[in-house]
Amino acid sequence: MKAALYARVSTDEQRKESIDDQLRECRNVCRRQGFDVIAEW
């Protein structure tokens, strides 16, 4: 199965680094589930 990942900062209170954190967690989930990540935004 394939996956495209999308992360964003939704409030002014969030750190810009939270995007990297979100993508890292999504990659981990995909790896555990056997998904191939084909794109990231």
N, C-alpha and C. Protein backbone atom coordinates (compact mmCIF):
# COMPACT_ATOMS: atom_id res chain seq x y z
N MET A 1 0.84 -1.17 0.00
CA MET A 1 0.00 0.00 0.00
C MET A 1 0.89 1.24 0.00
N LYS A 2 0.39 2.31 -0.59
CA LYS A 2 1.14 3.56 -0.69
C LYS A 2 0.50 4.62 0.20
N ALA A 3 1.33 5.57 0.65
CA ALA A 3 0.84 6.65 1.49
C ALA A 3 1.51 7.95 1.09
N ALA A 4 0.73 9.04 1.14
CA ALA A 4 1.25 10.40 0.98
C ALA A 4 1.04 11.09 2.32
N LEU A 5 2.07 11.76 2.82
CA LEU A 5 2.02 12.38 4.14
C LEU A 5 1.88 13.89 4.01
N TYR A 6 1.07 14.47 4.89
CA TYR A 6 0.86 15.91 4.92
C TYR A 6 0.90 16.37 6.37
N ALA A 7 1.67 17.39 6.64
CA ALA A 7 1.75 17.95 7.99
C ALA A 7 1.69 19.46 7.89
N ARG A 8 1.15 20.08 8.95
CA ARG A 8 1.05 21.53 8.94
C ARG A 8 1.04 22.06 10.37
N VAL A 9 1.32 23.32 10.49
CA VAL A 9 1.21 24.02 11.77
C VAL A 9 -0.16 24.68 11.77
N SER A 10 -0.98 24.34 12.76
CA SER A 10 -2.35 24.83 12.75
C SER A 10 -2.60 26.06 13.62
N THR A 11 -1.66 26.38 14.51
CA THR A 11 -1.84 27.55 15.36
C THR A 11 -0.52 28.31 15.48
N ASP A 12 -0.60 29.55 15.88
CA ASP A 12 0.61 30.35 16.10
C ASP A 12 1.42 29.83 17.28
N GLU A 13 0.78 29.05 18.16
CA GLU A 13 1.45 28.56 19.35
C GLU A 13 2.33 27.34 19.07
N GLN A 14 2.14 26.69 17.93
CA GLN A 14 2.94 25.52 17.61
C GLN A 14 4.30 25.93 17.09
N ARG A 15 5.29 25.11 17.37
CA ARG A 15 6.63 25.34 16.86
C ARG A 15 6.71 24.86 15.42
N LYS A 16 7.53 25.50 14.62
CA LYS A 16 7.72 25.07 13.24
C LYS A 16 8.27 23.64 13.20
N GLU A 17 9.07 23.27 14.21
CA GLU A 17 9.64 21.93 14.27
C GLU A 17 8.58 20.86 14.41
N SER A 18 7.36 21.25 14.82
CA SER A 18 6.31 20.25 14.99
C SER A 18 5.97 19.58 13.65
N ILE A 19 6.22 20.26 12.55
CA ILE A 19 6.00 19.65 11.24
C ILE A 19 6.93 18.45 11.08
N ASP A 20 8.19 18.62 11.43
CA ASP A 20 9.14 17.50 11.36
C ASP A 20 8.72 16.38 12.29
N ASP A 21 8.25 16.73 13.48
CA ASP A 21 7.78 15.73 14.44
C ASP A 21 6.59 14.96 13.88
N GLN A 22 5.65 15.67 13.27
CA GLN A 22 4.47 15.02 12.70
C GLN A 22 4.87 14.06 11.59
N LEU A 23 5.74 14.51 10.69
CA LEU A 23 6.16 13.65 9.59
C LEU A 23 6.92 12.43 10.10
N ARG A 24 7.75 12.62 11.10
CA ARG A 24 8.50 11.49 11.66
C ARG A 24 7.55 10.44 12.23
N GLU A 25 6.54 10.90 12.96
CA GLU A 25 5.57 9.96 13.52
C GLU A 25 4.77 9.26 12.41
N CYS A 26 4.40 10.00 11.39
CA CYS A 26 3.68 9.39 10.26
C CYS A 26 4.54 8.34 9.56
N ARG A 27 5.82 8.65 9.37
CA ARG A 27 6.73 7.67 8.77
C ARG A 27 6.82 6.41 9.62
N ASN A 28 6.88 6.59 10.94
CA ASN A 28 6.95 5.43 11.84
C ASN A 28 5.70 4.56 11.72
N VAL A 29 4.54 5.19 11.67
CA VAL A 29 3.29 4.45 11.51
C VAL A 29 3.30 3.69 10.18
N CYS A 30 3.71 4.37 9.12
CA CYS A 30 3.74 3.74 7.80
C CYS A 30 4.70 2.55 7.79
N ARG A 31 5.84 2.70 8.41
CA ARG A 31 6.82 1.61 8.46
C ARG A 31 6.23 0.40 9.20
N ARG A 32 5.57 0.66 10.33
CA ARG A 32 4.98 -0.44 11.10
C ARG A 32 3.86 -1.14 10.34
N GLN A 33 3.13 -0.37 9.53
CA GLN A 33 2.00 -0.94 8.80
C GLN A 33 2.40 -1.48 7.42
N GLY A 34 3.65 -1.24 7.03
CA GLY A 34 4.12 -1.75 5.74
C GLY A 34 3.76 -0.88 4.54
N PHE A 35 3.46 0.40 4.78
CA PHE A 35 3.12 1.32 3.70
C PHE A 35 4.39 1.88 3.07
N ASP A 36 4.34 2.16 1.78
CA ASP A 36 5.41 2.86 1.09
C ASP A 36 5.05 4.34 1.02
N VAL A 37 5.88 5.20 1.60
CA VAL A 37 5.63 6.64 1.55
C VAL A 37 6.12 7.14 0.18
N ILE A 38 5.19 7.69 -0.60
CA ILE A 38 5.54 8.13 -1.96
C ILE A 38 5.65 9.64 -2.08
N ALA A 39 5.12 10.38 -1.07
CA ALA A 39 5.21 11.85 -1.12
C ALA A 39 5.03 12.40 0.28
N GLU A 40 5.62 13.58 0.49
CA GLU A 40 5.46 14.32 1.75
C GLU A 40 5.28 15.79 1.44
N TRP A 41 4.34 16.42 2.16
CA TRP A 41 4.14 17.86 2.04
C TRP A 41 4.27 18.48 3.38
